């Protein structure tokens, strides 16, 4: 391995330890409070949100071909990651601009931020997968994007479980159901919603909505990009072992 490969190897090792770290006290307390809130929310509301999120993801991930370059087959890891970092930078600024505009527009535009931001996130994941050399025409690779998404925005309690699936993806992918309906959409939407709720609620407040929307979206894309990089680095390392 060259110096850059060693650097990446160390970064992935640090990331793996973070994924396996036990939740802290305040993380557990926050999760318990959020779970109680979720139990108060009527079941028909949960069902409606779950259905809406499932449909949005199905349209973006499986409904039509996302305009993405073919899987990259050449170039060193250092060169590929330079491209990935540029793409993350571009989408961070795009998401920040979108969050600022919708945040400045009050409640109606603020509510429109969710599907717009979702589209930006998914497009970024497709781009990253392509640069690392993975073919997103493959149904299983698109499901892998969902697990990366989930890992980036799940609770600390679920983090290890999802990470283990990503770490053992070559075996997990062979056992995947062909029906996307069998994916655990209920847990997926609750974890994601719980992760961003407070910040996104602030985005709906007049005056502060614009800066909050810009900052929150920027940070969400940053977290997603870094999670995706390490998830694909891990797969590349396993291929070499």
C-alpha atoms as a PDB file:
ATOM      1  CA  UNK A   1       0.000   0.000   0.000  1.00  0.00           C
ATOM      2  CA  UNK A   2       1.141   3.543  -0.716  1.00  0.00           C
ATOM      3  CA  UNK A   3       0.957   6.412   1.776  1.00  0.00           C
ATOM      4  CA  UNK A   4      -2.568   7.392   0.756  1.00  0.00           C
ATOM      5  CA  UNK A   5      -3.858   3.836   1.048  1.00  0.00           C
ATOM      6  CA  UNK A   6      -2.360   3.603   4.546  1.00  0.00           C
ATOM      7  CA  UNK A   7      -4.049   6.872   5.490  1.00  0.00           C
ATOM      8  CA  UNK A   8      -7.388   5.543   4.281  1.00  0.00           C
ATOM      9  CA  UNK A   9      -6.866   2.251   6.105  1.00  0.00           C
ATOM     10  CA  UNK A  10      -6.298   4.123   9.388  1.00  0.00           C
ATOM     11  CA  UNK A  11      -9.346   6.328   8.828  1.00  0.00           C
ATOM     12  CA  UNK A  12     -11.565   3.325   8.138  1.00  0.00           C
ATOM     13  CA  UNK A  13     -10.282   1.592  11.290  1.00  0.00           C
ATOM     14  CA  UNK A  14     -11.164   4.661  13.371  1.00  0.00           C
ATOM     15  CA  UNK A  15     -14.595   4.825  11.727  1.00  0.00           C
ATOM     16  CA  UNK A  16     -15.242   1.149  12.421  1.00  0.00           C
ATOM     17  CA  UNK A  17     -14.472   1.616  16.107  1.00  0.00           C
ATOM     18  CA  UNK A  18     -16.880   4.558  16.201  1.00  0.00           C
ATOM     19  CA  UNK A  19     -19.602   2.418  14.615  1.00  0.00           C
ATOM     20  CA  UNK A  20     -19.167  -0.226  17.315  1.00  0.00           C
ATOM     21  CA  UNK A  21     -19.023   2.212  20.220  1.00  0.00           C
ATOM     22  CA  UNK A  22     -21.762   1.783  22.812  1.00  0.00           C
ATOM     23  CA  UNK A  23     -24.352   4.583  23.049  1.00  0.00           C
ATOM     24  CA  UNK A  24     -23.686   7.121  25.792  1.00  0.00           C
ATOM     25  CA  UNK A  25     -26.125   7.948  28.590  1.00  0.00           C
ATOM     26  CA  UNK A  26     -27.563  11.047  26.931  1.00  0.00           C
ATOM     27  CA  UNK A  27     -27.991   9.210  23.632  1.00  0.00           C
ATOM     28  CA  UNK A  28     -29.969   6.471  25.382  1.00  0.00           C
ATOM     29  CA  UNK A  29     -32.048   9.016  27.278  1.00  0.00           C
ATOM     30  CA  UNK A  30     -32.810  10.961  24.106  1.00  0.00           C
ATOM     31  CA  UNK A  31     -33.838   7.772  22.334  1.00  0.00           C
ATOM     32  CA  UNK A  32     -36.198   6.776  25.171  1.00  0.00           C
ATOM     33  CA  UNK A  33     -37.862  10.195  25.075  1.00  0.00           C
ATOM     34  CA  UNK A  34     -38.275  10.044  21.315  1.00  0.00           C
ATOM     35  CA  UNK A  35     -39.711   6.525  21.536  1.00  0.00           C
ATOM     36  CA  UNK A  36     -42.322   7.759  24.021  1.00  0.00           C
ATOM     37  CA  UNK A  37     -43.259  10.578  21.675  1.00  0.00           C
ATOM     38  CA  UNK A  38     -43.604   8.098  18.828  1.00  0.00           C
ATOM     39  CA  UNK A  39     -45.936   5.951  20.935  1.00  0.00           C
ATOM     40  CA  UNK A  40     -48.184   8.968  21.498  1.00  0.00           C
ATOM     41  CA  UNK A  41     -48.478   9.698  17.780  1.00  0.00           C
ATOM     42  CA  UNK A  42     -51.552   7.897  16.343  1.00  0.00           C
ATOM     43  CA  UNK A  43     -50.863   4.773  14.333  1.00  0.00           C
ATOM     44  CA  UNK A  44     -52.563   6.150  11.234  1.00  0.00           C
ATOM     45  CA  UNK A  45     -50.128   9.090  11.275  1.00  0.00           C
ATOM     46  CA  UNK A  46     -47.150   6.702  11.445  1.00  0.00           C
ATOM     47  CA  UNK A  47     -48.627   4.651   8.616  1.00  0.00           C
ATOM     48  CA  UNK A  48     -49.164   7.723   6.450  1.00  0.00           C
ATOM     49  CA  UNK A  49     -45.604   8.978   7.001  1.00  0.00           C
ATOM     50  CA  UNK A  50     -44.132   5.523   6.396  1.00  0.00           C
ATOM     51  CA  UNK A  51     -46.071   5.151   3.143  1.00  0.00           C
ATOM     52  CA  UNK A  52     -45.044   8.626   1.959  1.00  0.00           C
ATOM     53  CA  UNK A  53     -41.354   8.026   2.664  1.00  0.00           C
ATOM     54  CA  UNK A  54     -41.445   4.555   1.103  1.00  0.00           C
ATOM     55  CA  UNK A  55     -43.009   5.937  -2.064  1.00  0.00           C
ATOM     56  CA  UNK A  56     -40.483   8.772  -2.291  1.00  0.00           C
ATOM     57  CA  UNK A  57     -37.569   6.384  -1.944  1.00  0.00           C
ATOM     58  CA  UNK A  58     -39.042   3.878  -4.370  1.00  0.00           C
ATOM     59  CA  UNK A  59     -39.489   6.560  -7.008  1.00  0.00           C
ATOM     60  CA  UNK A  60     -35.976   7.925  -6.539  1.00  0.00           C
ATOM     61  CA  UNK A  61     -34.199   4.591  -6.130  1.00  0.00           C
ATOM     62  CA  UNK A  62     -36.191   2.166  -8.254  1.00  0.00           C
ATOM     63  CA  UNK A  63     -38.799   4.010 -10.263  1.00  0.00           C
ATOM     64  CA  UNK A  64     -36.547   5.392 -12.954  1.00  0.00           C
ATOM     65  CA  UNK A  65     -32.900   5.462 -13.891  1.00  0.00           C
ATOM     66  CA  UNK A  66     -31.013   8.163 -12.064  1.00  0.00           C
ATOM     67  CA  UNK A  67     -28.751  10.157 -14.373  1.00  0.00           C
ATOM     68  CA  UNK A  68     -25.360   9.008 -13.164  1.00  0.00           C
ATOM     69  CA  UNK A  69     -22.108   8.239 -14.918  1.00  0.00           C
ATOM     70  CA  UNK A  70     -21.179   4.605 -15.458  1.00  0.00           C
ATOM     71  CA  UNK A  71     -19.243   2.835 -12.734  1.00  0.00           C
ATOM     72  CA  UNK A  72     -15.645   3.984 -12.810  1.00  0.00           C
ATOM     73  CA  UNK A  73     -13.123   1.258 -13.593  1.00  0.00           C
ATOM     74  CA  UNK A  74      -9.864   3.194 -13.687  1.00  0.00           C
ATOM     75  CA  UNK A  75      -7.858   5.509 -11.459  1.00  0.00           C
ATOM     76  CA  UNK A  76      -6.143   5.150  -8.100  1.00  0.00           C
ATOM     77  CA  UNK A  77      -8.052   5.374  -4.835  1.00  0.00           C
ATOM     78  CA  UNK A  78      -6.528   8.786  -4.217  1.00  0.00           C
ATOM     79  CA  UNK A  79      -7.750  10.077  -7.568  1.00  0.00           C
ATOM     80  CA  UNK A  80     -11.225   8.637  -7.080  1.00  0.00           C
ATOM     81  CA  UNK A  81     -11.562  10.149  -3.626  1.00  0.00           C
ATOM     82  CA  UNK A  82     -10.494  13.547  -4.902  1.00  0.00           C
ATOM     83  CA  UNK A  83     -13.473  13.316  -7.268  1.00  0.00           C
ATOM     84  CA  UNK A  84     -15.756  12.115  -4.447  1.00  0.00           C
ATOM     85  CA  UNK A  85     -14.750  15.017  -2.197  1.00  0.00           C
ATOM     86  CA  UNK A  86     -15.503  17.493  -4.973  1.00  0.00           C
ATOM     87  CA  UNK A  87     -18.941  15.951  -5.440  1.00  0.00           C
ATOM     88  CA  UNK A  88     -19.652  16.112  -1.703  1.00  0.00           C
ATOM     89  CA  UNK A  89     -18.568  19.750  -1.682  1.00  0.00           C
ATOM     90  CA  UNK A  90     -20.882  20.539  -4.602  1.00  0.00           C
ATOM     91  CA  UNK A  91     -23.888  18.817  -3.024  1.00  0.00           C
ATOM     92  CA  UNK A  92     -23.230  20.417   0.368  1.00  0.00           C
ATOM     93  CA  UNK A  93     -23.463  23.860  -1.181  1.00  0.00           C
ATOM     94  CA  UNK A  94     -26.483  22.846  -3.250  1.00  0.00           C
ATOM     95  CA  UNK A  95     -28.286  21.529  -0.163  1.00  0.00           C
ATOM     96  CA  UNK A  96     -27.340  24.614   1.873  1.00  0.00           C
ATOM     97  CA  UNK A  97     -28.736  26.913  -0.822  1.00  0.00           C
ATOM     98  CA  UNK A  98     -31.916  24.856  -1.034  1.00  0.00           C
ATOM     99  CA  UNK A  99     -32.319  24.871   2.755  1.00  0.00           C
ATOM    100  CA  UNK A 100     -31.773  28.614   2.921  1.00  0.00           C
ATOM    101  CA  UNK A 101     -34.358  29.327   0.233  1.00  0.00           C
ATOM    102  CA  UNK A 102     -37.033  27.023   1.653  1.00  0.00           C
ATOM    103  CA  UNK A 103     -36.260  28.167   5.200  1.00  0.00           C
ATOM    104  CA  UNK A 104     -36.787  31.798   4.205  1.00  0.00           C
ATOM    105  CA  UNK A 105     -40.127  30.973   2.599  1.00  0.00           C
ATOM    106  CA  UNK A 106     -42.040  30.085   5.731  1.00  0.00           C
ATOM    107  CA  UNK A 107     -43.921  26.926   6.610  1.00  0.00           C
ATOM    108  CA  UNK A 108     -45.102  25.934   3.137  1.00  0.00           C
ATOM    109  CA  UNK A 109     -41.681  26.139   1.505  1.00  0.00           C
ATOM    110  CA  UNK A 110     -40.110  24.697   4.649  1.00  0.00           C
ATOM    111  CA  UNK A 111     -42.240  21.589   4.268  1.00  0.00           C
ATOM    112  CA  UNK A 112     -41.105  21.315   0.653  1.00  0.00           C
ATOM    113  CA  UNK A 113     -37.515  21.012   1.873  1.00  0.00           C
ATOM    114  CA  UNK A 114     -37.899  17.354   2.860  1.00  0.00           C
ATOM    115  CA  UNK A 115     -38.426  15.814  -0.612  1.00  0.00           C
ATOM    116  CA  UNK A 116     -35.986  18.258  -2.209  1.00  0.00           C
ATOM    117  CA  UNK A 117     -33.235  17.429   0.277  1.00  0.00           C
ATOM    118  CA  UNK A 118     -33.991  13.724  -0.045  1.00  0.00           C
ATOM    119  CA  UNK A 119     -33.427  13.917  -3.788  1.00  0.00           C
ATOM    120  CA  UNK A 120     -30.096  15.690  -3.288  1.00  0.00           C
ATOM    121  CA  UNK A 121     -28.931  13.048  -0.808  1.00  0.00           C
ATOM    122  CA  UNK A 122     -29.863  10.119  -3.016  1.00  0.00           C
ATOM    123  CA  UNK A 123     -28.256  11.708  -6.081  1.00  0.00           C
ATOM    124  CA  UNK A 124     -25.042  12.178  -4.096  1.00  0.00           C
ATOM    125  CA  UNK A 125     -25.041   8.512  -3.075  1.00  0.00           C
ATOM    126  CA  UNK A 126     -25.462   7.408  -6.685  1.00  0.00           C
ATOM    127  CA  UNK A 127     -22.548   9.636  -7.707  1.00  0.00           C
ATOM    128  CA  UNK A 128     -20.285   8.318  -4.952  1.00  0.00           C
ATOM    129  CA  UNK A 129     -21.101   4.682  -5.740  1.00  0.00           C
ATOM    130  CA  UNK A 130     -20.241   5.276  -9.387  1.00  0.00           C
ATOM    131  CA  UNK A 131     -16.864   6.864  -8.623  1.00  0.00           C
ATOM    132  CA  UNK A 132     -15.908   3.945  -6.374  1.00  0.00           C
ATOM    133  CA  UNK A 133     -16.730   1.561  -9.216  1.00  0.00           C
ATOM    134  CA  UNK A 134     -20.079   0.089  -8.139  1.00  0.00           C
ATOM    135  CA  UNK A 135     -22.865  -0.381 -10.675  1.00  0.00           C
ATOM    136  CA  UNK A 136     -26.121   1.122  -9.359  1.00  0.00           C
ATOM    137  CA  UNK A 137     -28.107  -0.557 -12.138  1.00  0.00           C
ATOM    138  CA  UNK A 138     -27.855  -3.571  -9.833  1.00  0.00           C
ATOM    139  CA  UNK A 139     -30.875  -3.739  -7.512  1.00  0.00           C
ATOM    140  CA  UNK A 140     -28.664  -4.829  -4.627  1.00  0.00           C
ATOM    141  CA  UNK A 141     -26.379  -1.837  -5.018  1.00  0.00           C
ATOM    142  CA  UNK A 142     -29.380   0.445  -4.771  1.00  0.00           C
ATOM    143  CA  UNK A 143     -30.415  -1.272  -1.569  1.00  0.00           C
ATOM    144  CA  UNK A 144     -26.875  -0.754  -0.303  1.00  0.00           C
ATOM    145  CA  UNK A 145     -27.455   2.984  -0.750  1.00  0.00           C
ATOM    146  CA  UNK A 146     -30.456   2.675   1.559  1.00  0.00           C
ATOM    147  CA  UNK A 147     -28.330   1.047   4.246  1.00  0.00           C
ATOM    148  CA  UNK A 148     -25.699   3.782   3.939  1.00  0.00           C
ATOM    149  CA  UNK A 149     -28.468   6.348   4.267  1.00  0.00           C
ATOM    150  CA  UNK A 150     -29.836   4.547   7.302  1.00  0.00           C
ATOM    151  CA  UNK A 151     -26.408   4.247   8.928  1.00  0.00           C
ATOM    152  CA  UNK A 152     -25.777   7.975   8.524  1.00  0.00           C
ATOM    153  CA  UNK A 153     -29.023   8.995  10.222  1.00  0.00           C
ATOM    154  CA  UNK A 154     -29.964   6.187  12.596  1.00  0.00           C
ATOM    155  CA  UNK A 155     -29.934   6.226  16.381  1.00  0.00           C
ATOM    156  CA  UNK A 156     -26.862   5.070  18.289  1.00  0.00           C
ATOM    157  CA  UNK A 157     -28.862   2.040  19.409  1.00  0.00           C
ATOM    158  CA  UNK A 158     -29.322   0.862  15.813  1.00  0.00           C
ATOM    159  CA  UNK A 159     -25.920   1.921  14.502  1.00  0.00           C
ATOM    160  CA  UNK A 160     -24.047  -1.303  15.250  1.00  0.00           C
ATOM    161  CA  UNK A 161     -26.773  -3.494  13.732  1.00  0.00           C
ATOM    162  CA  UNK A 162     -26.768  -1.581  10.445  1.00  0.00           C
ATOM    163  CA  UNK A 163     -22.983  -1.342  10.364  1.00  0.00           C
ATOM    164  CA  UNK A 164     -22.720  -5.129  10.706  1.00  0.00           C
ATOM    165  CA  UNK A 165     -24.877  -5.523   7.605  1.00  0.00           C
ATOM    166  CA  UNK A 166     -22.711  -3.107   5.659  1.00  0.00           C
ATOM    167  CA  UNK A 167     -19.540  -4.842   6.831  1.00  0.00           C
ATOM    168  CA  UNK A 168     -20.858  -8.229   5.711  1.00  0.00           C
ATOM    169  CA  UNK A 169     -22.603  -6.952   2.586  1.00  0.00           C
ATOM    170  CA  UNK A 170     -21.235  -9.587   0.212  1.00  0.00           C
ATOM    171  CA  UNK A 171     -23.087 -12.250   2.197  1.00  0.00           C
ATOM    172  CA  UNK A 172     -26.080 -10.093   3.133  1.00  0.00           C
ATOM    173  CA  UNK A 173     -26.705  -9.135  -0.501  1.00  0.00           C
ATOM    174  CA  UNK A 174     -27.122 -12.798  -1.445  1.00  0.00           C
ATOM    175  CA  UNK A 175     -30.008 -13.127   1.019  1.00  0.00           C
ATOM    176  CA  UNK A 176     -31.887  -9.965   0.049  1.00  0.00           C
ATOM    177  CA  UNK A 177     -35.566 -10.206  -0.818  1.00  0.00           C
ATOM    178  CA  UNK A 178     -36.549  -9.317  -4.360  1.00  0.00           C
ATOM    179  CA  UNK A 179     -39.539  -7.371  -3.054  1.00  0.00           C
ATOM    180  CA  UNK A 180     -38.656  -3.867  -1.841  1.00  0.00           C
ATOM    181  CA  UNK A 181     -41.833  -3.921   0.302  1.00  0.00           C
ATOM    182  CA  UNK A 182     -40.023  -6.260   2.695  1.00  0.00           C
ATOM    183  CA  UNK A 183     -37.578  -3.527   3.678  1.00  0.00           C
ATOM    184  CA  UNK A 184     -38.267  -2.215   7.226  1.00  0.00           C
ATOM    185  CA  UNK A 185     -39.658   1.161   6.170  1.00  0.00           C
ATOM    186  CA  UNK A 186     -41.336   1.861   9.515  1.00  0.00           C
ATOM    187  CA  UNK A 187     -38.094   1.799  11.474  1.00  0.00           C
ATOM    188  CA  UNK A 188     -36.294   3.574   8.653  1.00  0.00           C
ATOM    189  CA  UNK A 189     -38.614   6.578   8.608  1.00  0.00           C
ATOM    190  CA  UNK A 190     -38.772   6.858  12.392  1.00  0.00           C
ATOM    191  CA  UNK A 191     -34.997   6.803  12.795  1.00  0.00           C
ATOM    192  CA  UNK A 192     -34.475   9.384  10.071  1.00  0.00           C
ATOM    193  CA  UNK A 193     -37.284  11.617  11.285  1.00  0.00           C
ATOM    194  CA  UNK A 194     -36.085  11.450  14.885  1.00  0.00           C
ATOM    195  CA  UNK A 195     -32.571  12.390  13.779  1.00  0.00           C
ATOM    196  CA  UNK A 196     -33.569  15.598  12.008  1.00  0.00           C
ATOM    197  CA  UNK A 197     -36.841  16.623  13.720  1.00  0.00           C
ATOM    198  CA  UNK A 198     -35.639  19.373  16.055  1.00  0.00           C
ATOM    199  CA  UNK A 199     -33.365  21.037  13.544  1.00  0.00           C
ATOM    200  CA  UNK A 200     -35.970  20.921  10.805  1.00  0.00           C
ATOM    201  CA  UNK A 201     -38.678  22.318  13.085  1.00  0.00           C
ATOM    202  CA  UNK A 202     -36.455  25.351  13.686  1.00  0.00           C
ATOM    203  CA  UNK A 203     -36.247  25.806   9.932  1.00  0.00           C
ATOM    204  CA  UNK A 204     -39.981  26.592   9.884  1.00  0.00           C
ATOM    205  CA  UNK A 205     -39.580  29.523  12.291  1.00  0.00           C
ATOM    206  CA  UNK A 206     -39.666  32.945  10.600  1.00  0.00           C
ATOM    207  CA  UNK A 207     -36.409  34.961  10.484  1.00  0.00           C
ATOM    208  CA  UNK A 208     -34.133  32.112  11.650  1.00  0.00           C
ATOM    209  CA  UNK A 209     -35.479  29.578   9.135  1.00  0.00           C
ATOM    210  CA  UNK A 210     -33.097  30.511   6.332  1.00  0.00           C
ATOM    211  CA  UNK A 211     -29.784  30.238   8.232  1.00  0.00           C
ATOM    212  CA  UNK A 212     -30.975  27.151  10.109  1.00  0.00           C
ATOM    213  CA  UNK A 213     -32.024  25.450   6.873  1.00  0.00           C
ATOM    214  CA  UNK A 214     -28.696  26.216   5.218  1.00  0.00           C
ATOM    215  CA  UNK A 215     -26.580  25.040   8.160  1.00  0.00           C
ATOM    216  CA  UNK A 216     -28.576  21.884   8.880  1.00  0.00           C
ATOM    217  CA  UNK A 217     -28.634  20.768   5.246  1.00  0.00           C
ATOM    218  CA  UNK A 218     -24.901  21.421   4.893  1.00  0.00           C
ATOM    219  CA  UNK A 219     -24.153  19.261   7.923  1.00  0.00           C
ATOM    220  CA  UNK A 220     -26.517  16.477   6.882  1.00  0.00           C
ATOM    221  CA  UNK A 221     -24.820  16.184   3.483  1.00  0.00           C
ATOM    222  CA  UNK A 222     -21.395  16.271   5.145  1.00  0.00           C
ATOM    223  CA  UNK A 223     -22.352  13.369   7.431  1.00  0.00           C
ATOM    224  CA  UNK A 224     -23.899  11.360   4.610  1.00  0.00           C
ATOM    225  CA  UNK A 225     -20.893  11.889   2.343  1.00  0.00           C
ATOM    226  CA  UNK A 226     -18.391  10.770   4.962  1.00  0.00           C
ATOM    227  CA  UNK A 227     -20.485   7.729   5.867  1.00  0.00           C
ATOM    228  CA  UNK A 228     -20.700   6.720   2.208  1.00  0.00           C
ATOM    229  CA  UNK A 229     -16.955   7.148   1.689  1.00  0.00           C
ATOM    230  CA  UNK A 230     -16.093   4.867   4.577  1.00  0.00           C
ATOM    231  CA  UNK A 231     -18.749   2.312   3.622  1.00  0.00           C
ATOM    232  CA  UNK A 232     -17.293   1.981   0.115  1.00  0.00           C
ATOM    233  CA  UNK A 233     -13.713   2.073   1.373  1.00  0.00           C
ATOM    234  CA  UNK A 234     -14.574  -0.886   3.579  1.00  0.00           C
ATOM    235  CA  UNK A 235     -15.941  -2.851   0.633  1.00  0.00           C
ATOM    236  CA  UNK A 236     -12.864  -2.116  -1.473  1.00  0.00           C
ATOM    237  CA  UNK A 237     -10.596  -3.264   1.363  1.00  0.00           C
ATOM    238  CA  UNK A 238     -12.532  -6.509   1.697  1.00  0.00           C
ATOM    239  CA  UNK A 239     -12.103  -7.168  -2.010  1.00  0.00           C
ATOM    240  CA  UNK A 240      -8.332  -6.924  -1.615  1.00  0.00           C
ATOM    241  CA  UNK A 241      -8.221  -9.293   1.385  1.00  0.00           C
END
